[in-house]
Amino acid sequence: MSSKSSSSLSENNENLKQKIFVGNISYRVKRHQLQNFFQKFGKVKKAFIAHDHLKGWSKGFGFVEFQNTEGVDKALNATEEELYLDQRLMRISRAHPSWKDDLTVNDFPIGVFEIAGKAEESCSSVLSSSSWDADHVAEECLIHRLPNEILIEIFSFLNVRQLTRMERVCKRWREVAHTRFKLLRNLHFHDVFHTFGEGLTSRILSSVIQKIQGQLVELDLSGCNNLDFKTPVVIGHFCPNLEILNLDGLRQVTDKGVTVLGQGCPRLVNLILSGCYRLTDSGLSKLFSSLPCLRKLDMSSCSLVGRSLGRLSSSLQELNLDDCKLLRPESLGRLAAACPQLRLLSISRCSRLEGCCAPIIMTMLELQVLRWRDCPSLATLTATPPQTALLHLDLAESRGVDDADVVQVAAAFPNLRRLNLSLCRSISDLTPLSSLVHLRELDASYMDQVDSAALVDMACALPALERHD
């Protein structure tokens, strides 16, 4: 080490002996007020209060440098009553030299994940504290000694809201947080901003996903009711690689927004739009035409009539249309023609669908799961077309299903594994189901007209049955 470096280091150490750290400073206190306050312990050379580098707000901590060490000793020996400023008790301690960021992973005897686990507890206590300062906490957990790669690993334990708050601590943490944002592939905002100001808005969402720079693969916005009609537009502009999107309950989503969404996110595989009741078939047709890779779609509780179903991708495998009160019977014909690979279909409580839809469903040869609760009737069901691959049939709460429908089900779906007939109160005879030799689960609960002894005898006749209610 050169003589110049040695003298500089010696001078810095000497200055540290005359400096104290001051925490829990009132946010109304100015630098000159802090300096004047400590004059009672000794002549103060200078005072410093740390501020946020973006907003300019006080961080609530700083340093005071005395002309000599006598002032430091008097301040450290002061009583609590002598340390009140603006009705707040300040915490003081000796200043310590700052550590450089030139350490590597090999400098630490414990693993990255052990460091991350311990630092996560420190970060949690910091976030939950009513008054805190970054340097004081850093001094206690030595987090400022960690290299950037370990800080990035630590930040992976934080949610989006906490990660955003970490950007305000210091310039270095802001850079680390930005690096962590770029590594994100999945974002789940459910309940993250639930109690934070006005909640998650399109402006906040835009700010966050822009930091990820187009690498986002999965985005969950379910329950974020404060998001407006701009949300799909923001997603379409900044998430070109998005594959999974959940917009459950976003009532402000419009046709124009989903049109931009489809154009900007052509790789979508799983899309949830349940509860987006402002969407119409016109906007949905444009959306579906832009999504050739779509495999799972949830449109439950929407206002579609069904004209847009003919625009769905031929690769679609799962579709949920529960509680679509305006859905018309002819829409299932368009669906069957457009989606030959459909394996799961849920059309429960679609009041306009009638029993005449059953033959159309029989043409969906790859269909394995059918959920049709509150079904009107299956009287027109026929086994004339080739037998479907249906394995799971849910007809619960269907008051219109009767004994004749049970006969039709047993004849048309001989490969059934699961059958739910709970609350089908018009059924009195289940003996036709004894022909379903592959049936494993049967729910016949709350069926007043079915004799319990007959049900037990029928269950004993089914060799594969594992569970029945």
Protein backbone atom coordinates (compact mmCIF):
# COMPACT_ATOMS: atom_id res chain seq x y z
CA MET A 1 0.00 0.00 0.00
CA SER A 2 1.37 3.46 -0.94
CA SER A 3 2.12 6.11 1.68
CA LYS A 4 -0.64 8.31 0.17
CA SER A 5 -3.24 5.52 0.59
CA SER A 6 -2.07 4.82 4.13
CA SER A 7 -2.37 8.45 5.15
CA SER A 8 -5.85 8.70 3.59
CA LEU A 9 -7.03 5.59 5.44
CA SER A 10 -5.61 6.89 8.70
CA GLU A 11 -7.40 10.20 8.20
CA ASN A 12 -10.71 8.48 7.51
CA ASN A 13 -10.40 6.36 10.65
CA GLU A 14 -9.65 9.47 12.69
CA ASN A 15 -12.74 11.21 11.30
CA LEU A 16 -14.89 8.19 12.19
CA LYS A 17 -13.92 8.55 15.83
CA GLN A 18 -15.50 12.01 15.78
CA LYS A 19 -18.69 10.89 13.98
CA ILE A 20 -21.91 9.31 15.27
CA PHE A 21 -24.79 7.65 13.49
CA VAL A 22 -28.25 9.12 14.24
CA GLY A 23 -31.42 7.12 13.53
CA ASN A 24 -35.17 7.70 13.94
CA ILE A 25 -34.89 11.37 13.00
CA SER A 26 -38.22 13.11 12.53
CA TYR A 27 -39.01 13.69 8.86
CA ARG A 28 -39.69 17.37 9.62
CA VAL A 29 -36.17 17.99 11.01
CA LYS A 30 -33.74 19.85 8.73
CA ARG A 31 -29.96 19.51 8.62
CA HIS A 32 -29.26 22.76 10.43
CA GLN A 33 -31.76 21.84 13.18
CA LEU A 34 -29.95 18.54 13.72
CA GLN A 35 -26.60 20.32 13.88
CA ASN A 36 -27.86 22.90 16.38
CA PHE A 37 -29.42 20.16 18.55
CA PHE A 38 -26.10 18.32 19.08
CA GLN A 39 -24.17 21.52 19.87
CA LYS A 40 -25.06 20.93 23.54
CA PHE A 41 -22.71 17.91 23.61
CA GLY A 42 -19.82 19.62 21.88
CA LYS A 43 -18.85 21.74 18.91
CA VAL A 44 -20.34 20.18 15.77
CA LYS A 45 -18.27 20.28 12.60
CA LYS A 46 -21.13 19.25 10.26
CA ALA A 47 -24.36 17.25 10.13
CA PHE A 48 -25.90 15.15 7.38
CA ILE A 49 -29.41 13.71 6.78
CA ALA A 50 -29.92 11.05 4.10
CA HIS A 51 -32.63 11.71 1.49
CA ASP A 52 -34.37 9.60 -1.12
CA HIS A 53 -32.53 10.12 -4.42
CA LEU A 54 -35.78 10.14 -6.42
CA LYS A 55 -38.38 11.88 -4.26
CA GLY A 56 -36.09 13.99 -2.11
CA TRP A 57 -37.76 12.78 1.10
CA SER A 58 -35.82 12.35 4.34
CA LYS A 59 -34.99 8.72 5.13
CA GLY A 60 -35.00 9.39 8.88
CA PHE A 61 -31.30 8.85 9.57
CA GLY A 62 -28.01 10.69 9.23
CA PHE A 63 -24.61 11.46 10.77
CA VAL A 64 -23.15 14.13 13.02
CA GLU A 65 -19.41 14.92 13.06
CA PHE A 66 -17.90 16.68 16.09
CA GLN A 67 -14.69 18.69 16.27
CA ASN A 68 -13.27 16.21 18.77
CA THR A 69 -14.06 12.87 20.41
CA GLU A 70 -15.27 14.50 23.62
CA GLY A 71 -18.51 15.53 21.95
CA VAL A 72 -18.99 11.93 20.73
CA ASP A 73 -18.54 10.53 24.23
CA LYS A 74 -20.98 13.01 25.75
CA ALA A 75 -23.60 12.24 23.10
CA LEU A 76 -23.24 8.48 23.56
CA ASN A 77 -23.63 8.84 27.33
CA ALA A 78 -26.68 11.10 27.05
CA THR A 79 -29.97 10.06 28.64
CA GLU A 80 -33.09 9.34 26.60
CA GLU A 81 -34.63 12.65 27.70
CA GLU A 82 -31.69 14.50 26.13
CA LEU A 83 -32.17 12.80 22.74
CA TYR A 84 -35.74 13.90 22.01
CA LEU A 85 -36.07 16.13 18.94
CA ASP A 86 -39.46 17.08 17.50
CA GLN A 87 -41.09 14.65 19.96
CA ARG A 88 -39.10 11.66 18.67
CA LEU A 89 -36.44 9.69 20.53
CA MET A 90 -33.38 9.46 18.29
CA ARG A 91 -31.07 6.44 18.33
CA ILE A 92 -27.36 7.08 18.22
CA SER A 93 -24.30 4.87 17.91
CA ARG A 94 -20.69 5.13 16.79
CA ALA A 95 -20.21 5.43 13.04
CA HIS A 96 -18.53 2.48 11.31
CA PRO A 97 -16.63 2.35 8.01
CA SER A 98 -18.71 1.40 4.99
CA TRP A 99 -17.91 -1.89 3.29
CA LYS A 100 -17.06 -1.97 -0.41
CA ASP A 101 -19.05 -4.02 -2.88
CA ASP A 102 -16.03 -6.02 -4.04
CA LEU A 103 -16.82 -9.23 -2.16
CA THR A 104 -17.67 -12.43 -4.03
CA VAL A 105 -19.72 -15.51 -3.21
CA ASN A 106 -16.56 -17.38 -2.23
CA ASP A 107 -15.94 -14.92 0.60
CA PHE A 108 -18.89 -16.36 2.52
CA PRO A 109 -18.67 -19.67 4.42
CA ILE A 110 -22.42 -20.33 4.17
CA GLY A 111 -24.54 -20.95 1.09
CA VAL A 112 -26.45 -18.41 -0.93
CA PHE A 113 -29.84 -19.73 0.15
CA GLU A 114 -28.91 -19.64 3.84
CA ILE A 115 -27.87 -16.00 3.45
CA ALA A 116 -31.06 -15.29 1.55
CA GLY A 117 -33.20 -16.93 4.20
CA LYS A 118 -31.66 -14.89 7.01
CA ALA A 119 -31.76 -11.67 5.04
CA GLU A 120 -35.39 -12.30 4.11
CA GLU A 121 -36.30 -12.15 7.81
CA SER A 122 -34.38 -8.90 8.12
CA CYS A 123 -36.17 -7.43 5.09
CA SER A 124 -39.53 -8.51 6.48
CA SER A 125 -38.83 -6.83 9.81
CA VAL A 126 -37.73 -3.69 7.98
CA LEU A 127 -40.91 -3.56 5.90
CA SER A 128 -43.18 -4.11 8.91
CA SER A 129 -41.43 -1.55 11.12
CA SER A 130 -43.13 1.79 11.63
CA SER A 131 -39.81 3.67 11.58
CA TRP A 132 -36.60 2.32 10.13
CA ASP A 133 -33.47 3.38 8.29
CA ALA A 134 -31.57 1.37 5.75
CA ASP A 135 -28.02 1.90 7.04
CA HIS A 136 -28.92 0.94 10.62
CA VAL A 137 -30.51 -2.31 9.50
CA ALA A 138 -27.69 -2.95 7.06
CA GLU A 139 -25.21 -2.50 9.91
CA GLU A 140 -27.01 -5.13 11.99
CA CYS A 141 -27.43 -7.85 9.31
CA LEU A 142 -24.31 -6.86 7.28
CA ILE A 143 -26.39 -6.98 4.11
CA HIS A 144 -24.29 -4.17 2.65
CA ARG A 145 -21.35 -6.60 2.52
CA LEU A 146 -23.12 -8.93 0.12
CA PRO A 147 -22.27 -8.89 -3.58
CA ASN A 148 -24.96 -8.04 -6.11
CA GLU A 149 -25.57 -11.64 -7.19
CA ILE A 150 -26.54 -12.61 -3.63
CA LEU A 151 -28.70 -9.51 -3.20
CA ILE A 152 -30.56 -10.53 -6.36
CA GLU A 153 -31.18 -13.95 -4.80
CA ILE A 154 -32.43 -12.29 -1.61
CA PHE A 155 -34.76 -10.01 -3.57
CA SER A 156 -36.31 -13.10 -5.19
CA PHE A 157 -38.09 -13.73 -1.86
CA LEU A 158 -39.92 -10.38 -2.08
CA ASN A 159 -43.23 -9.79 -3.82
CA VAL A 160 -43.71 -7.06 -6.42
CA ARG A 161 -44.81 -4.43 -3.91
CA GLN A 162 -41.82 -5.06 -1.64
CA LEU A 163 -39.44 -5.14 -4.60
CA THR A 164 -40.76 -1.76 -5.72
CA ARG A 165 -40.16 -0.33 -2.26
CA MET A 166 -36.58 -1.63 -2.26
CA GLU A 167 -35.84 0.64 -5.22
CA ARG A 168 -36.16 3.64 -2.92
CA VAL A 169 -33.53 2.56 -0.38
CA CYS A 170 -30.42 3.59 -2.29
CA LYS A 171 -28.97 3.75 -5.77
CA ARG A 172 -27.33 0.33 -5.52
CA TRP A 173 -30.51 -1.39 -4.34
CA ARG A 174 -32.40 0.28 -7.15
CA GLU A 175 -30.01 -1.24 -9.69
CA VAL A 176 -30.27 -4.66 -8.02
CA ALA A 177 -34.09 -4.43 -7.99
CA HIS A 178 -34.09 -3.56 -11.71
CA THR A 179 -31.89 -6.57 -12.42
CA ARG A 180 -34.28 -8.77 -10.42
CA PHE A 181 -37.25 -7.38 -12.38
CA LYS A 182 -35.57 -8.38 -15.64
CA LEU A 183 -35.30 -11.98 -14.39
CA LEU A 184 -39.01 -12.24 -13.57
CA ARG A 185 -41.10 -14.51 -15.77
CA ASN A 186 -44.21 -14.86 -13.57
CA LEU A 187 -46.14 -12.01 -11.94
CA HIS A 188 -49.01 -12.59 -9.50
CA PHE A 189 -50.72 -9.40 -8.33
CA HIS A 190 -53.59 -11.05 -6.45
CA ASP A 191 -53.83 -9.26 -3.05
CA VAL A 192 -50.35 -7.71 -3.50
CA PHE A 193 -51.57 -4.09 -3.66
CA HIS A 194 -54.80 -4.85 -1.79
CA THR A 195 -54.16 -2.34 1.02
CA PHE A 196 -51.75 -0.03 -0.80
CA GLY A 197 -53.25 3.39 -1.50
CA GLU A 198 -55.72 3.18 -4.37
CA GLY A 199 -54.58 -0.36 -5.17
CA LEU A 200 -53.03 -1.62 -8.37
CA THR A 201 -53.70 0.75 -11.26
CA SER A 202 -52.86 0.61 -14.96
CA ARG A 203 -50.11 3.16 -14.38
CA ILE A 204 -48.40 1.03 -11.71
CA LEU A 205 -48.86 -2.11 -13.82
CA SER A 206 -47.31 -0.42 -16.84
CA SER A 207 -44.33 0.75 -14.77
CA VAL A 208 -43.69 -2.75 -13.41
CA ILE A 209 -44.01 -4.78 -16.61
CA GLN A 210 -41.86 -2.33 -18.58
CA LYS A 211 -38.98 -3.16 -16.23
CA ILE A 212 -39.26 -6.83 -17.24
CA GLN A 213 -38.58 -5.81 -20.85
CA GLY A 214 -40.97 -8.15 -22.65
CA GLN A 215 -39.83 -11.40 -21.01
CA LEU A 216 -43.01 -12.00 -18.97
CA VAL A 217 -44.60 -15.43 -19.50
CA GLU A 218 -47.37 -15.53 -16.85
CA LEU A 219 -49.47 -12.66 -15.46
CA ASP A 220 -52.20 -12.98 -12.81
CA LEU A 221 -54.39 -9.89 -12.27
CA SER A 222 -57.38 -11.67 -10.76
CA GLY A 223 -59.31 -9.56 -8.28
CA CYS A 224 -57.53 -6.30 -9.15
CA ASN A 225 -60.77 -4.34 -9.41
CA ASN A 226 -59.11 -0.92 -9.73
CA LEU A 227 -57.65 -1.72 -13.15
CA ASP A 228 -59.42 0.12 -15.97
CA PHE A 229 -60.05 -0.46 -19.67
CA LYS A 230 -56.43 0.42 -20.50
CA THR A 231 -55.11 -2.75 -18.86
CA PRO A 232 -55.33 -5.11 -21.89
CA VAL A 233 -53.76 -2.38 -24.04
CA VAL A 234 -50.80 -2.08 -21.65
CA ILE A 235 -50.35 -5.86 -21.62
CA GLY A 236 -50.57 -6.04 -25.42
CA HIS A 237 -47.88 -3.39 -25.83
CA PHE A 238 -45.31 -4.71 -23.32
CA CYS A 239 -45.82 -8.50 -23.06
CA PRO A 240 -45.18 -10.07 -26.49
CA ASN A 241 -44.08 -13.42 -25.01
CA LEU A 242 -47.01 -13.82 -22.60
CA GLU A 243 -48.46 -17.36 -22.48
CA ILE A 244 -50.73 -17.36 -19.40
CA LEU A 245 -53.03 -14.45 -18.51
CA ASN A 246 -55.66 -14.21 -15.76
CA LEU A 247 -58.06 -11.22 -15.93
CA ASP A 248 -60.71 -12.75 -13.68
CA GLY A 249 -63.15 -10.15 -12.39
CA LEU A 250 -61.84 -7.16 -14.38
CA ARG A 251 -65.16 -5.53 -15.14
CA GLN A 252 -63.68 -2.64 -17.16
CA VAL A 253 -62.22 -4.78 -19.95
CA THR A 254 -63.71 -3.82 -23.33
CA ASP A 255 -63.72 -5.13 -26.91
CA LYS A 256 -61.15 -2.55 -28.02
CA GLY A 257 -58.77 -3.58 -25.26
CA VAL A 258 -58.87 -7.31 -25.98
CA THR A 259 -58.37 -6.62 -29.69
CA VAL A 260 -55.04 -4.92 -28.90
CA LEU A 261 -54.29 -7.72 -26.43
CA GLY A 262 -54.69 -10.40 -29.10
CA GLN A 263 -52.49 -8.54 -31.57
CA GLY A 264 -49.74 -7.98 -29.00
CA CYS A 265 -49.79 -11.41 -27.30
CA PRO A 266 -50.15 -14.04 -30.07
CA ARG A 267 -48.46 -16.73 -27.95
CA LEU A 268 -51.23 -16.94 -25.33
CA VAL A 269 -51.94 -20.54 -24.37
CA ASN A 270 -54.11 -20.08 -21.27
CA LEU A 271 -56.55 -17.14 -21.02
CA ILE A 272 -59.04 -16.40 -18.20
CA LEU A 273 -61.66 -13.72 -18.88
CA SER A 274 -64.31 -14.83 -16.40
CA GLY A 275 -66.52 -12.00 -15.15
CA CYS A 276 -65.54 -9.62 -17.99
CA TYR A 277 -69.19 -9.00 -18.79
CA ARG A 278 -68.59 -5.98 -21.09
CA LEU A 279 -67.05 -8.19 -23.77
CA THR A 280 -69.21 -8.98 -26.79
CA ASP A 281 -68.94 -11.49 -29.63
CA SER A 282 -67.62 -8.77 -31.94
CA GLY A 283 -64.52 -8.08 -29.84
CA LEU A 284 -64.05 -11.73 -28.91
CA SER A 285 -64.05 -12.77 -32.59
CA LYS A 286 -61.08 -10.46 -33.24
CA LEU A 287 -59.34 -11.72 -30.10
CA PHE A 288 -59.78 -15.42 -30.92
CA SER A 289 -58.60 -14.91 -34.51
CA SER A 290 -55.28 -13.58 -33.17
CA LEU A 291 -54.59 -16.51 -30.81
CA PRO A 292 -53.60 -19.60 -32.85
CA CYS A 293 -51.92 -21.33 -29.87
CA LEU A 294 -54.81 -21.02 -27.39
CA ARG A 295 -55.48 -24.27 -25.49
CA LYS A 296 -57.37 -23.22 -22.35
CA LEU A 297 -60.09 -20.56 -22.21
CA ASP A 298 -62.34 -19.47 -19.33
CA MET A 299 -65.25 -17.23 -20.36
CA SER A 300 -67.58 -17.96 -17.45
CA SER A 301 -70.09 -15.27 -16.44
CA CYS A 302 -69.65 -13.37 -19.69
CA SER A 303 -72.29 -11.88 -21.99
CA LEU A 304 -71.37 -13.66 -25.21
CA VAL A 305 -74.10 -15.13 -27.41
CA GLY A 306 -71.73 -17.62 -29.01
CA ARG A 307 -71.12 -16.32 -32.53
CA SER A 308 -67.43 -15.84 -31.70
CA LEU A 309 -66.87 -19.50 -30.78
CA GLY A 310 -66.39 -20.37 -34.45
CA ARG A 311 -63.20 -18.25 -34.45
CA LEU A 312 -61.50 -20.28 -31.73
CA SER A 313 -58.24 -22.06 -32.46
CA SER A 314 -58.43 -25.69 -33.57
CA SER A 315 -55.86 -26.46 -30.84
CA LEU A 316 -58.27 -25.49 -28.02
CA GLN A 317 -58.58 -28.30 -25.45
CA GLU A 318 -60.43 -26.78 -22.45
CA LEU A 319 -63.34 -24.33 -22.46
CA ASN A 320 -65.39 -22.95 -19.54
CA LEU A 321 -68.67 -21.22 -20.42
CA ASP A 322 -70.42 -21.53 -17.04
CA ASP A 323 -73.14 -18.95 -16.29
CA CYS A 324 -73.16 -17.51 -19.82
CA LYS A 325 -76.90 -16.80 -19.71
CA LEU A 326 -77.09 -15.57 -23.32
CA LEU A 327 -75.32 -18.55 -24.89
CA ARG A 328 -77.46 -20.06 -27.67
CA PRO A 329 -77.72 -23.74 -28.70
CA GLU A 330 -76.40 -23.16 -32.25
CA SER A 331 -73.14 -21.82 -30.78
CA LEU A 332 -72.19 -25.36 -29.70
CA GLY A 333 -72.36 -26.43 -33.35
CA ARG A 334 -69.82 -23.73 -34.26
CA LEU A 335 -67.66 -24.85 -31.34
CA ALA A 336 -67.72 -28.51 -32.40
CA ALA A 337 -66.68 -27.59 -35.95
CA ALA A 338 -63.90 -25.18 -34.91
CA CYS A 339 -62.35 -27.19 -32.04
CA PRO A 340 -62.05 -30.89 -32.92
CA GLN A 341 -59.48 -31.46 -30.12
CA LEU A 342 -61.73 -30.17 -27.32
CA ARG A 343 -61.36 -32.39 -24.24
CA LEU A 344 -63.09 -30.40 -21.49
CA LEU A 345 -66.33 -28.44 -21.80
CA SER A 346 -68.18 -26.72 -18.96
CA ILE A 347 -71.61 -25.23 -19.75
CA SER A 348 -73.29 -25.24 -16.33
CA ARG A 349 -76.23 -22.90 -15.71
CA CYS A 350 -76.43 -21.68 -19.31
CA SER A 351 -80.18 -21.16 -19.19
CA ARG A 352 -80.75 -20.86 -22.95
CA LEU A 353 -79.18 -24.23 -23.75
CA GLU A 354 -81.75 -26.98 -24.19
CA GLY A 355 -81.76 -30.75 -24.35
CA CYS A 356 -81.44 -30.54 -28.15
CA CYS A 357 -77.76 -29.63 -27.62
CA ALA A 358 -76.95 -33.18 -26.49
CA PRO A 359 -76.61 -34.62 -30.04
CA ILE A 360 -74.17 -31.81 -30.90
CA ILE A 361 -72.06 -32.72 -27.89
CA MET A 362 -72.01 -36.32 -29.12
CA THR A 363 -70.12 -35.13 -32.22
CA MET A 364 -67.20 -33.95 -30.07
CA LEU A 365 -65.33 -37.22 -30.32
CA GLU A 366 -62.30 -36.16 -28.22
CA LEU A 367 -64.40 -34.80 -25.33
CA GLN A 368 -63.42 -36.43 -22.03
CA VAL A 369 -64.97 -34.12 -19.40
CA LEU A 370 -68.45 -32.56 -19.61
CA ARG A 371 -69.81 -30.34 -16.83
CA TRP A 372 -73.46 -29.49 -17.48
CA ARG A 373 -75.02 -28.61 -14.14
CA ASP A 374 -78.64 -27.49 -14.19
CA CYS A 375 -79.09 -29.37 -17.45
CA PRO A 376 -82.69 -29.20 -18.82
CA SER A 377 -82.84 -32.75 -20.23
CA LEU A 378 -80.92 -35.41 -22.16
CA ALA A 379 -83.95 -37.07 -23.72
CA THR A 380 -82.69 -36.50 -27.28
CA LEU A 381 -79.34 -38.09 -26.57
CA THR A 382 -78.57 -40.88 -29.00
CA ALA A 383 -75.80 -43.37 -29.50
CA THR A 384 -76.13 -43.37 -33.29
CA PRO A 385 -72.92 -41.35 -33.87
CA PRO A 386 -69.58 -42.96 -32.95
CA GLN A 387 -69.23 -43.28 -29.19
CA THR A 388 -67.36 -40.38 -27.55
CA ALA A 389 -64.34 -40.69 -25.27
CA LEU A 390 -66.27 -39.11 -22.37
CA LEU A 391 -64.83 -40.16 -18.99
CA HIS A 392 -66.26 -37.57 -16.56
CA LEU A 393 -69.87 -36.38 -16.62
CA ASP A 394 -71.26 -33.82 -14.13
CA LEU A 395 -75.05 -33.31 -14.23
CA ALA A 396 -75.52 -32.15 -10.63
CA GLU A 397 -78.46 -29.89 -9.73
CA SER A 398 -80.27 -30.84 -12.96
CA ARG A 399 -83.95 -30.96 -12.08
CA GLY A 400 -84.92 -31.89 -15.64
CA VAL A 401 -82.82 -35.09 -15.71
CA ASP A 402 -84.98 -38.15 -15.02
CA ASP A 403 -84.91 -41.94 -15.31
CA ALA A 404 -85.06 -41.83 -19.11
CA ASP A 405 -81.92 -39.69 -19.16
CA VAL A 406 -80.13 -42.21 -16.94
CA VAL A 407 -80.83 -44.90 -19.53
CA GLN A 408 -79.50 -42.62 -22.28
CA VAL A 409 -76.32 -41.85 -20.31
CA ALA A 410 -75.58 -45.53 -19.67
CA ALA A 411 -76.02 -46.34 -23.38
CA ALA A 412 -74.15 -43.37 -24.86
CA PHE A 413 -71.14 -43.19 -22.51
CA PRO A 414 -70.07 -46.76 -21.66
CA ASN A 415 -66.52 -45.70 -20.72
CA LEU A 416 -67.51 -43.29 -17.92
CA ARG A 417 -65.13 -43.16 -14.93
CA ARG A 418 -66.88 -40.44 -12.88
CA LEU A 419 -70.56 -39.50 -12.75
CA ASN A 420 -72.15 -36.78 -10.62
CA LEU A 421 -75.95 -36.88 -10.28
CA SER A 422 -76.29 -35.14 -6.91
CA LEU A 423 -79.49 -33.10 -6.41
CA CYS A 424 -81.11 -34.65 -9.51
CA ARG A 425 -84.36 -35.12 -7.60
CA SER A 426 -86.39 -36.41 -10.58
CA ILE A 427 -84.38 -39.64 -10.75
CA SER A 428 -85.79 -42.69 -8.96
CA ASP A 429 -83.98 -45.61 -10.63
CA LEU A 430 -80.22 -45.96 -11.06
CA THR A 431 -80.11 -49.65 -12.03
CA PRO A 432 -79.26 -48.86 -15.70
CA LEU A 433 -75.88 -47.60 -14.47
CA SER A 434 -74.89 -51.19 -13.58
CA SER A 435 -73.72 -51.55 -17.20
CA LEU A 436 -70.95 -48.97 -16.62
CA VAL A 437 -68.24 -51.49 -15.72
CA HIS A 438 -65.47 -48.83 -15.72
CA LEU A 439 -67.25 -46.44 -13.32
CA ARG A 440 -65.02 -45.52 -10.36
CA GLU A 441 -66.82 -42.62 -8.68
CA LEU A 442 -70.57 -42.05 -8.38
CA ASP A 443 -72.21 -39.14 -6.56
CA ALA A 444 -75.93 -39.82 -6.01
CA SER A 445 -76.37 -37.68 -2.89
CA TYR A 446 -79.56 -35.77 -2.10
CA MET A 447 -81.73 -37.86 -4.43
CA ASP A 448 -84.94 -38.29 -2.47
CA GLN A 449 -86.60 -40.86 -4.72
CA VAL A 450 -83.68 -43.32 -4.90
CA ASP A 451 -83.88 -46.22 -2.48
CA SER A 452 -80.73 -46.58 -0.39
CA ALA A 453 -80.78 -50.38 -0.45
CA ALA A 454 -81.13 -50.41 -4.25
CA LEU A 455 -78.24 -47.98 -4.50
CA VAL A 456 -76.02 -50.24 -2.40
CA ASP A 457 -76.93 -53.29 -4.50
CA MET A 458 -76.17 -51.41 -7.69
CA ALA A 459 -72.83 -50.21 -6.27
CA CYS A 460 -71.88 -53.79 -5.41
CA ALA A 461 -72.56 -54.78 -9.02
CA LEU A 462 -69.98 -52.29 -10.32
CA PRO A 463 -66.54 -53.98 -10.15
CA ALA A 464 -64.44 -50.81 -10.57
CA LEU A 465 -66.40 -48.55 -8.20
CA GLU A 466 -64.12 -47.02 -5.56
CA ARG A 467 -66.30 -44.26 -4.10
CA HIS A 468 -70.01 -43.47 -4.01
CA ASP A 469 -72.10 -40.96 -2.06
